[in-house]
Amino acid sequence: MKYLKTFFAVLGVISAGLVCVLLVFFLYAHFFRTGTHHDTATADDVRFVFNWAQLGEENIKNVMHSYESARSMTGDHTDAYAIQAKSIPAGVLYDTRLWTRGDNLSETERKGVAFVTLFTGQFPWFPDKQELMSGNIYVYCWSLVFHGKEAAAAKIIFVRPSTNTVFYASVKT
């Protein structure tokens, strides 16, 4: 009888734990999970891009395009922005600790850019892989995550100095 009580007590604790986990999933799915947003980002929403890239948030002229996907429970998402800058400080782009010209990317950076373009190709306003890997674009890989030899997540900032345009892509699968 003593073992039976212990068995039911353990079973009750496990069941309560499962109910709590299911409740968290339910609450997340209905209250915290946002839908997809097209062209709704403001300068305040994207200023982190200019801060990370040391371009100065005061240089944001306007957000031309934006796409923010819904988040999955594991954080999978695709976010992309096209931001018009007032100016691009030329000296910043020559800081090789941060920036690499698109035609001089390392193998790791190329894999990150290729990974991002798998998802940004759906946006006609986002440069394609060929342009991103050309001498017209400067690339700042803020974060690249690999599982084995394949990219699984990336946060990359691109600058096209000729048009004072900054592109940002964040992808996680």
N, C-alpha and C. Protein backbone atom coordinates (compact mmCIF):
# COMPACT_ATOMS: atom_id res chain seq x y z
N MET A 1 0.82 -1.19 0.00
CA MET A 1 0.00 0.00 0.00
C MET A 1 0.87 1.26 0.00
N LYS A 2 1.99 1.20 0.75
CA LYS A 2 2.89 2.33 0.83
C LYS A 2 3.47 2.65 -0.56
N TYR A 3 3.82 1.63 -1.33
CA TYR A 3 4.40 1.83 -2.65
C TYR A 3 3.36 2.37 -3.63
N LEU A 4 2.13 1.96 -3.46
CA LEU A 4 1.06 2.43 -4.31
C LEU A 4 0.83 3.93 -4.11
N LYS A 5 0.87 4.40 -2.85
CA LYS A 5 0.72 5.83 -2.55
C LYS A 5 1.87 6.62 -3.18
N THR A 6 3.07 6.09 -3.06
CA THR A 6 4.24 6.77 -3.64
C THR A 6 4.12 6.83 -5.16
N PHE A 7 3.67 5.72 -5.76
CA PHE A 7 3.49 5.68 -7.21
C PHE A 7 2.50 6.75 -7.66
N PHE A 8 1.35 6.85 -6.99
CA PHE A 8 0.34 7.83 -7.37
C PHE A 8 0.80 9.27 -7.10
N ALA A 9 1.59 9.46 -6.06
CA ALA A 9 2.12 10.79 -5.78
C ALA A 9 3.07 11.23 -6.90
N VAL A 10 3.95 10.32 -7.32
CA VAL A 10 4.88 10.63 -8.41
C VAL A 10 4.11 10.88 -9.70
N LEU A 11 3.13 10.05 -9.98
CA LEU A 11 2.30 10.21 -11.17
C LEU A 11 1.58 11.56 -11.14
N GLY A 12 1.10 11.97 -9.99
CA GLY A 12 0.43 13.26 -9.85
C GLY A 12 1.38 14.42 -10.13
N VAL A 13 2.61 14.34 -9.63
CA VAL A 13 3.61 15.39 -9.86
C VAL A 13 3.94 15.49 -11.35
N ILE A 14 4.13 14.35 -11.99
CA ILE A 14 4.43 14.33 -13.42
C ILE A 14 3.27 14.92 -14.22
N SER A 15 2.05 14.54 -13.86
CA SER A 15 0.87 15.05 -14.55
C SER A 15 0.74 16.56 -14.37
N ALA A 16 0.98 17.05 -13.18
CA ALA A 16 0.91 18.49 -12.92
C ALA A 16 1.97 19.23 -13.74
N GLY A 17 3.15 18.64 -13.83
CA GLY A 17 4.22 19.24 -14.64
C GLY A 17 3.84 19.31 -16.11
N LEU A 18 3.25 18.26 -16.63
CA LEU A 18 2.82 18.25 -18.03
C LEU A 18 1.72 19.27 -18.27
N VAL A 19 0.79 19.41 -17.34
CA VAL A 19 -0.26 20.41 -17.47
C VAL A 19 0.35 21.81 -17.51
N CYS A 20 1.35 22.07 -16.67
CA CYS A 20 2.02 23.38 -16.66
C CYS A 20 2.71 23.64 -17.99
N VAL A 21 3.38 22.65 -18.53
CA VAL A 21 4.06 22.81 -19.82
C VAL A 21 3.04 23.10 -20.92
N LEU A 22 1.96 22.36 -20.96
CA LEU A 22 0.92 22.60 -21.95
C LEU A 22 0.30 23.99 -21.80
N LEU A 23 0.14 24.44 -20.58
CA LEU A 23 -0.41 25.77 -20.33
C LEU A 23 0.54 26.84 -20.86
N VAL A 24 1.83 26.67 -20.66
CA VAL A 24 2.81 27.64 -21.17
C VAL A 24 2.75 27.67 -22.69
N PHE A 25 2.71 26.52 -23.37
CA PHE A 25 2.59 26.48 -24.82
C PHE A 25 1.32 27.19 -25.29
N PHE A 26 0.23 26.94 -24.63
CA PHE A 26 -1.05 27.56 -25.00
C PHE A 26 -0.97 29.08 -24.84
N LEU A 27 -0.47 29.54 -23.72
CA LEU A 27 -0.37 30.98 -23.48
C LEU A 27 0.56 31.65 -24.49
N TYR A 28 1.67 31.01 -24.76
CA TYR A 28 2.62 31.56 -25.74
C TYR A 28 1.96 31.67 -27.11
N ALA A 29 1.31 30.59 -27.53
CA ALA A 29 0.71 30.56 -28.86
C ALA A 29 -0.37 31.61 -29.04
N HIS A 30 -1.11 31.91 -27.98
CA HIS A 30 -2.23 32.83 -28.13
C HIS A 30 -1.95 34.26 -27.71
N PHE A 31 -0.96 34.49 -26.91
CA PHE A 31 -0.75 35.84 -26.41
C PHE A 31 0.59 36.46 -26.81
N PHE A 32 1.62 35.67 -27.01
CA PHE A 32 2.94 36.23 -27.24
C PHE A 32 3.43 36.05 -28.67
N ARG A 33 2.84 35.19 -29.39
CA ARG A 33 3.26 34.92 -30.75
C ARG A 33 2.62 35.94 -31.68
N THR A 34 3.43 36.73 -32.34
CA THR A 34 2.90 37.74 -33.22
C THR A 34 2.82 37.21 -34.63
N GLY A 35 2.00 37.82 -35.43
CA GLY A 35 1.89 37.42 -36.83
C GLY A 35 2.97 38.07 -37.67
N THR A 36 2.86 37.89 -38.95
CA THR A 36 3.81 38.47 -39.89
C THR A 36 3.46 39.94 -40.11
N HIS A 37 4.49 40.78 -40.17
CA HIS A 37 4.29 42.22 -40.38
C HIS A 37 5.05 42.66 -41.62
N HIS A 38 4.35 43.34 -42.52
CA HIS A 38 4.96 43.87 -43.74
C HIS A 38 4.98 45.40 -43.67
N ASP A 39 6.14 45.97 -43.89
CA ASP A 39 6.29 47.43 -43.99
C ASP A 39 5.66 48.20 -42.84
N THR A 40 5.85 47.69 -41.62
CA THR A 40 5.32 48.37 -40.44
C THR A 40 6.42 48.88 -39.50
N ALA A 41 7.68 48.53 -39.76
CA ALA A 41 8.78 48.92 -38.88
C ALA A 41 9.03 50.43 -38.96
N THR A 42 9.38 51.00 -37.82
CA THR A 42 9.70 52.42 -37.74
C THR A 42 11.20 52.59 -37.51
N ALA A 43 11.65 53.82 -37.54
CA ALA A 43 13.07 54.11 -37.29
C ALA A 43 13.47 53.60 -35.90
N ASP A 44 12.60 53.72 -34.92
CA ASP A 44 12.90 53.22 -33.58
C ASP A 44 13.07 51.70 -33.57
N ASP A 45 12.31 51.01 -34.41
CA ASP A 45 12.39 49.55 -34.47
C ASP A 45 13.70 49.05 -35.07
N VAL A 46 14.33 49.85 -35.92
CA VAL A 46 15.52 49.39 -36.64
C VAL A 46 16.80 50.09 -36.20
N ARG A 47 16.73 50.94 -35.22
CA ARG A 47 17.94 51.69 -34.84
C ARG A 47 19.06 50.78 -34.32
N PHE A 48 18.70 49.59 -33.81
CA PHE A 48 19.73 48.65 -33.36
C PHE A 48 20.67 48.29 -34.51
N VAL A 49 20.16 48.26 -35.73
CA VAL A 49 20.99 47.93 -36.90
C VAL A 49 22.09 48.97 -37.05
N PHE A 50 21.74 50.25 -36.96
CA PHE A 50 22.72 51.33 -37.10
C PHE A 50 23.67 51.36 -35.91
N ASN A 51 23.17 51.03 -34.74
CA ASN A 51 24.04 50.99 -33.56
C ASN A 51 25.05 49.85 -33.66
N TRP A 52 24.59 48.65 -34.02
CA TRP A 52 25.49 47.51 -34.16
C TRP A 52 26.59 47.82 -35.18
N ALA A 53 26.18 48.45 -36.29
CA ALA A 53 27.11 48.70 -37.39
C ALA A 53 27.91 49.98 -37.21
N GLN A 54 27.71 50.67 -36.11
CA GLN A 54 28.40 51.92 -35.80
C GLN A 54 28.18 52.97 -36.88
N LEU A 55 26.96 52.99 -37.43
CA LEU A 55 26.59 53.98 -38.44
C LEU A 55 25.91 55.20 -37.83
N GLY A 56 25.55 55.11 -36.56
CA GLY A 56 24.91 56.23 -35.87
C GLY A 56 23.42 56.28 -36.14
N GLU A 57 22.63 56.04 -35.11
CA GLU A 57 21.17 55.99 -35.30
C GLU A 57 20.60 57.31 -35.79
N GLU A 58 21.33 58.41 -35.61
CA GLU A 58 20.86 59.70 -36.12
C GLU A 58 20.92 59.75 -37.65
N ASN A 59 21.58 58.76 -38.28
CA ASN A 59 21.67 58.69 -39.73
C ASN A 59 20.48 58.01 -40.39
N ILE A 60 19.53 57.52 -39.61
CA ILE A 60 18.35 56.87 -40.20
C ILE A 60 17.45 57.94 -40.81
N LYS A 61 17.23 57.82 -42.10
CA LYS A 61 16.31 58.75 -42.78
C LYS A 61 14.89 58.20 -42.73
N ASN A 62 14.72 56.96 -43.19
CA ASN A 62 13.43 56.29 -43.09
C ASN A 62 13.57 54.80 -43.37
N VAL A 63 12.58 54.04 -42.95
CA VAL A 63 12.53 52.60 -43.22
C VAL A 63 11.73 52.44 -44.51
N MET A 64 12.40 52.01 -45.56
CA MET A 64 11.74 51.88 -46.86
C MET A 64 10.88 50.63 -46.93
N HIS A 65 11.40 49.51 -46.42
CA HIS A 65 10.68 48.24 -46.44
C HIS A 65 11.04 47.45 -45.19
N SER A 66 10.10 46.63 -44.75
CA SER A 66 10.38 45.74 -43.63
C SER A 66 9.51 44.49 -43.73
N TYR A 67 10.05 43.42 -43.21
CA TYR A 67 9.31 42.16 -43.12
C TYR A 67 9.74 41.50 -41.82
N GLU A 68 8.77 41.18 -40.98
CA GLU A 68 9.03 40.49 -39.72
C GLU A 68 8.07 39.31 -39.65
N SER A 69 8.63 38.12 -39.67
CA SER A 69 7.79 36.92 -39.65
C SER A 69 7.36 36.59 -38.22
N ALA A 70 6.38 35.73 -38.13
CA ALA A 70 5.97 35.20 -36.82
C ALA A 70 7.11 34.34 -36.28
N ARG A 71 7.19 34.21 -34.98
CA ARG A 71 8.21 33.38 -34.34
C ARG A 71 7.62 32.02 -34.02
N SER A 72 8.41 30.99 -34.25
CA SER A 72 7.98 29.66 -33.81
C SER A 72 8.40 29.50 -32.35
N MET A 73 8.01 28.41 -31.76
CA MET A 73 8.38 28.16 -30.36
C MET A 73 9.90 28.06 -30.19
N THR A 74 10.58 27.66 -31.22
CA THR A 74 12.04 27.53 -31.14
C THR A 74 12.76 28.80 -31.61
N GLY A 75 12.00 29.82 -31.99
CA GLY A 75 12.59 31.09 -32.40
C GLY A 75 12.86 31.21 -33.89
N ASP A 76 12.44 30.21 -34.67
CA ASP A 76 12.64 30.29 -36.12
C ASP A 76 11.93 31.52 -36.66
N HIS A 77 12.61 32.25 -37.54
CA HIS A 77 12.03 33.48 -38.08
C HIS A 77 12.82 33.96 -39.29
N THR A 78 12.24 34.93 -39.98
CA THR A 78 12.92 35.68 -41.03
C THR A 78 12.52 37.13 -40.86
N ASP A 79 13.50 38.00 -40.64
CA ASP A 79 13.27 39.44 -40.56
C ASP A 79 14.19 40.09 -41.58
N ALA A 80 13.67 41.11 -42.26
CA ALA A 80 14.49 41.83 -43.23
C ALA A 80 14.04 43.29 -43.28
N TYR A 81 15.03 44.17 -43.42
CA TYR A 81 14.75 45.61 -43.48
C TYR A 81 15.56 46.23 -44.60
N ALA A 82 14.99 47.25 -45.23
CA ALA A 82 15.70 48.13 -46.14
C ALA A 82 15.54 49.53 -45.55
N ILE A 83 16.67 50.15 -45.21
CA ILE A 83 16.65 51.42 -44.49
C ILE A 83 17.41 52.46 -45.29
N GLN A 84 16.79 53.59 -45.50
CA GLN A 84 17.46 54.70 -46.18
C GLN A 84 18.23 55.49 -45.14
N ALA A 85 19.51 55.66 -45.36
CA ALA A 85 20.35 56.44 -44.45
C ALA A 85 20.52 57.85 -45.00
N LYS A 86 20.71 58.80 -44.09
CA LYS A 86 21.02 60.17 -44.51
C LYS A 86 22.38 60.19 -45.19
N SER A 87 23.31 59.46 -44.60
CA SER A 87 24.65 59.34 -45.16
C SER A 87 25.30 58.10 -44.56
N ILE A 88 26.30 57.60 -45.25
CA ILE A 88 27.08 56.48 -44.75
C ILE A 88 28.49 57.01 -44.49
N PRO A 89 28.91 57.05 -43.24
CA PRO A 89 30.27 57.52 -42.96
C PRO A 89 31.30 56.60 -43.60
N ALA A 90 32.01 57.10 -44.60
CA ALA A 90 32.95 56.27 -45.37
C ALA A 90 34.01 55.63 -44.49
N GLY A 91 34.49 56.35 -43.50
CA GLY A 91 35.53 55.81 -42.64
C GLY A 91 35.10 54.56 -41.90
N VAL A 92 33.83 54.46 -41.58
CA VAL A 92 33.32 53.31 -40.84
C VAL A 92 33.44 52.04 -41.69
N LEU A 93 33.14 52.14 -42.97
CA LEU A 93 33.15 50.97 -43.84
C LEU A 93 34.55 50.40 -44.06
N TYR A 94 35.57 51.19 -43.78
CA TYR A 94 36.93 50.71 -43.97
C TYR A 94 37.51 50.07 -42.71
N ASP A 95 36.68 49.94 -41.68
CA ASP A 95 37.10 49.24 -40.45
C ASP A 95 36.98 47.75 -40.72
N THR A 96 38.10 47.11 -40.98
CA THR A 96 38.10 45.69 -41.37
C THR A 96 37.73 44.75 -40.23
N ARG A 97 37.66 45.27 -39.01
CA ARG A 97 37.20 44.42 -37.90
C ARG A 97 35.70 44.20 -38.00
N LEU A 98 35.00 45.12 -38.67
CA LEU A 98 33.56 45.03 -38.79
C LEU A 98 33.12 44.69 -40.22
N TRP A 99 33.64 45.41 -41.18
CA TRP A 99 33.11 45.37 -42.54
C TRP A 99 34.04 44.64 -43.50
N THR A 100 33.41 43.95 -44.44
CA THR A 100 34.13 43.30 -45.53
C THR A 100 33.38 43.63 -46.82
N ARG A 101 34.11 44.02 -47.84
CA ARG A 101 33.45 44.25 -49.12
C ARG A 101 32.92 42.92 -49.65
N GLY A 102 31.77 42.96 -50.27
CA GLY A 102 31.08 41.74 -50.70
C GLY A 102 31.89 40.82 -51.57
N ASP A 103 32.82 41.36 -52.35
CA ASP A 103 33.63 40.50 -53.22
C ASP A 103 34.89 39.98 -52.52
N ASN A 104 35.06 40.30 -51.23
CA ASN A 104 36.22 39.83 -50.47
C ASN A 104 35.83 38.99 -49.26
N LEU A 105 34.64 38.42 -49.26
CA LEU A 105 34.15 37.66 -48.12
C LEU A 105 34.94 36.37 -47.90
N SER A 106 35.09 36.00 -46.63
CA SER A 106 35.69 34.71 -46.31
C SER A 106 34.68 33.61 -46.64
N GLU A 107 35.13 32.38 -46.61
CA GLU A 107 34.23 31.25 -46.89
C GLU A 107 33.07 31.21 -45.90
N THR A 108 33.35 31.47 -44.63
CA THR A 108 32.31 31.47 -43.61
C THR A 108 31.29 32.57 -43.88
N GLU A 109 31.77 33.76 -44.20
CA GLU A 109 30.86 34.87 -44.49
C GLU A 109 30.03 34.59 -45.74
N ARG A 110 30.66 33.99 -46.75
CA ARG A 110 29.91 33.64 -47.97
C ARG A 110 28.78 32.66 -47.67
N LYS A 111 29.06 31.68 -46.81
CA LYS A 111 28.02 30.72 -46.44
C LYS A 111 26.89 31.42 -45.69
N GLY A 112 27.22 32.38 -44.83
CA GLY A 112 26.20 33.13 -44.11
C GLY A 112 25.33 33.95 -45.05
N VAL A 113 25.97 34.63 -46.00
CA VAL A 113 25.22 35.43 -46.98
C VAL A 113 24.35 34.53 -47.84
N ALA A 114 24.89 33.41 -48.29
CA ALA A 114 24.11 32.47 -49.10
C ALA A 114 22.91 31.95 -48.33
N PHE A 115 23.10 31.66 -47.05
CA PHE A 115 22.00 31.18 -46.20
C PHE A 115 20.90 32.24 -46.11
N VAL A 116 21.29 33.48 -45.85
CA VAL A 116 20.30 34.56 -45.73
C VAL A 116 19.52 34.74 -47.03
N THR A 117 20.20 34.66 -48.16
CA THR A 117 19.52 34.90 -49.44
C THR A 117 18.52 33.80 -49.79
N LEU A 118 18.63 32.64 -49.16
CA LEU A 118 17.60 31.61 -49.36
C LEU A 118 16.24 32.11 -48.90
N PHE A 119 16.23 33.03 -47.94
CA PHE A 119 14.99 33.51 -47.35
C PHE A 119 14.62 34.92 -47.82
N THR A 120 15.61 35.74 -48.13
CA THR A 120 15.32 37.12 -48.56
C THR A 120 15.00 37.20 -50.05
N GLY A 121 15.19 36.12 -50.78
CA GLY A 121 14.87 36.10 -52.20
C GLY A 121 13.41 36.37 -52.48
N GLN A 122 12.56 36.19 -51.49
CA GLN A 122 11.12 36.44 -51.68
C GLN A 122 10.79 37.93 -51.68
N PHE A 123 11.76 38.78 -51.32
CA PHE A 123 11.52 40.22 -51.26
C PHE A 123 12.17 40.90 -52.46
N PRO A 124 11.38 41.48 -53.35
CA PRO A 124 11.97 42.10 -54.54
C PRO A 124 12.86 43.31 -54.21
N TRP A 125 12.69 43.87 -53.04
CA TRP A 125 13.47 45.05 -52.63
C TRP A 125 14.79 44.71 -51.98
N PHE A 126 15.02 43.44 -51.67
CA PHE A 126 16.28 43.02 -51.02
C PHE A 126 17.25 42.57 -52.10
N PRO A 127 18.51 43.02 -52.05
CA PRO A 127 19.48 42.62 -53.09
C PRO A 127 19.64 41.10 -53.16
N ASP A 128 19.92 40.62 -54.36
CA ASP A 128 20.13 39.19 -54.53
C ASP A 128 21.55 38.81 -54.14
N LYS A 129 21.80 37.51 -54.12
CA LYS A 129 23.09 36.97 -53.69
C LYS A 129 24.25 37.54 -54.52
N GLN A 130 24.05 37.65 -55.81
CA GLN A 130 25.11 38.14 -56.69
C GLN A 130 25.50 39.57 -56.31
N GLU A 131 24.52 40.43 -56.07
CA GLU A 131 24.83 41.81 -55.69
C GLU A 131 25.46 41.88 -54.31
N LEU A 132 24.93 41.08 -53.36
CA LEU A 132 25.47 41.11 -52.00
C LEU A 132 26.93 40.68 -51.95
N MET A 133 27.34 39.85 -52.91
CA MET A 133 28.72 39.38 -52.94
C MET A 133 29.55 40.13 -53.98
N SER A 134 29.13 41.37 -54.28
CA SER A 134 29.87 42.18 -55.24
C SER A 134 30.62 43.30 -54.53
N GLY A 135 31.40 44.04 -55.26
CA GLY A 135 32.15 45.16 -54.71
C GLY A 135 31.29 46.36 -54.38
N ASN A 136 29.99 46.31 -54.72
CA ASN A 136 29.08 47.43 -54.46
C ASN A 136 28.50 47.41 -53.05
N ILE A 137 28.70 46.32 -52.34
CA ILE A 137 28.08 46.11 -51.03
C ILE A 137 29.16 45.84 -49.98
N TYR A 138 28.95 46.39 -48.79
CA TYR A 138 29.79 46.07 -47.64
C TYR A 138 28.97 45.21 -46.69
N VAL A 139 29.61 44.23 -46.08
CA VAL A 139 28.93 43.21 -45.27
C VAL A 139 29.48 43.21 -43.86
N TYR A 140 28.57 43.17 -42.90
CA TYR A 140 28.94 43.04 -41.48
C TYR A 140 28.16 41.86 -40.91
N CYS A 141 28.85 40.78 -40.65
CA CYS A 141 28.22 39.59 -40.08
C CYS A 141 28.18 39.74 -38.57
N TRP A 142 27.05 40.16 -38.05
CA TRP A 142 26.89 40.34 -36.62
C TRP A 142 26.89 39.00 -35.91
N SER A 143 26.21 38.02 -36.51
CA SER A 143 26.12 36.70 -35.88
C SER A 143 25.91 35.64 -36.96
N LEU A 144 26.73 34.60 -36.90
CA LEU A 144 26.55 33.44 -37.77
C LEU A 144 26.60 32.20 -36.89
N VAL A 145 25.60 31.34 -37.03
CA VAL A 145 25.54 30.10 -36.25
C VAL A 145 25.52 28.94 -37.23
N PHE A 146 26.41 27.99 -37.00
CA PHE A 146 26.50 26.82 -37.86
C PHE A 146 26.18 25.57 -37.06
N HIS A 147 25.49 24.64 -37.70
CA HIS A 147 25.31 23.29 -37.18
C HIS A 147 26.10 22.42 -38.13
N GLY A 148 27.22 21.96 -37.66
CA GLY A 148 28.13 21.25 -38.56
C GLY A 148 28.72 22.25 -39.53
N LYS A 149 28.60 21.96 -40.81
CA LYS A 149 29.16 22.86 -41.84
C LYS A 149 28.10 23.74 -42.47
N GLU A 150 26.86 23.62 -42.00
CA GLU A 150 25.76 24.37 -42.61
C GLU A 150 25.28 25.49 -41.68
N ALA A 151 25.02 26.65 -42.25
CA ALA A 151 24.50 27.77 -41.47
C ALA A 151 23.08 27.44 -41.01
N ALA A 152 22.79 27.80 -39.77
CA ALA A 152 21.46 27.57 -39.20
C ALA A 152 20.81 28.87 -38.74
N ALA A 153 21.61 29.92 -38.57
CA ALA A 153 21.08 31.22 -38.17
C ALA A 153 22.09 32.29 -38.56
N ALA A 154 21.59 33.46 -38.89
CA ALA A 154 22.48 34.56 -39.26
C ALA A 154 21.79 35.89 -39.02
N LYS A 155 22.60 36.87 -38.60
CA LYS A 155 22.19 38.27 -38.51
C LYS A 155 23.26 39.05 -39.24
N ILE A 156 22.90 39.59 -40.40
CA ILE A 156 23.88 40.24 -41.26
C ILE A 156 23.37 41.62 -41.68
N ILE A 157 24.29 42.59 -41.67
CA ILE A 157 23.99 43.95 -42.10
C ILE A 157 24.75 44.19 -43.41
N PHE A 158 24.05 44.76 -44.38
CA PHE A 158 24.64 45.08 -45.68
C PHE A 158 24.49 46.58 -45.92
N VAL A 159 25.50 47.18 -46.53
CA VAL A 159 25.43 48.59 -46.87
C VAL A 159 25.76 48.76 -48.35
N ARG A 160 24.89 49.49 -49.04
CA ARG A 160 25.15 49.88 -50.43
C ARG A 160 25.45 51.39 -50.39
N PRO A 161 26.73 51.77 -50.32
CA PRO A 161 27.09 53.18 -50.16
C PRO A 161 26.60 54.07 -51.30
N SER A 162 26.51 53.55 -52.51
CA SER A 162 26.13 54.38 -53.66
C SER A 162 24.71 54.94 -53.53
N THR A 163 23.86 54.26 -52.76
CA THR A 163 22.48 54.73 -52.58
C THR A 163 22.15 55.05 -51.12
N ASN A 164 23.18 54.99 -50.25
CA ASN A 164 22.98 55.22 -48.81
C ASN A 164 21.89 54.31 -48.25
N THR A 165 21.92 53.05 -48.67
CA THR A 165 20.91 52.09 -48.22
C THR A 165 21.56 51.03 -47.35
N VAL A 166 20.88 50.72 -46.25
CA VAL A 166 21.32 49.68 -45.32
C VAL A 166 20.28 48.57 -45.34
N PHE A 167 20.74 47.35 -45.52
CA PHE A 167 19.85 46.19 -45.50
C PHE A 167 20.24 45.33 -44.29
N TYR A 168 19.23 44.75 -43.68
CA TYR A 168 19.48 43.87 -42.54
C TYR A 168 18.65 42.61 -42.72
N ALA A 169 19.25 41.48 -42.41
CA ALA A 169 18.53 40.21 -42.46
C ALA A 169 18.87 39.40 -41.21
N SER A 170 17.83 38.86 -40.60
CA SER A 170 17.98 37.95 -39.47
C SER A 170 17.15 36.71 -39.79
N VAL A 171 17.84 35.58 -39.84
CA VAL A 171 17.17 34.33 -40.19
C VAL A 171 17.61 33.26 -39.21
N LYS A 172 16.65 32.47 -38.75
CA LYS A 172 16.94 31.31 -37.91
C LYS A 172 16.02 30.18 -38.34
N THR A 173 16.62 29.00 -38.54
CA THR A 173 15.81 27.84 -38.91
C THR A 173 16.00 26.72 -37.91
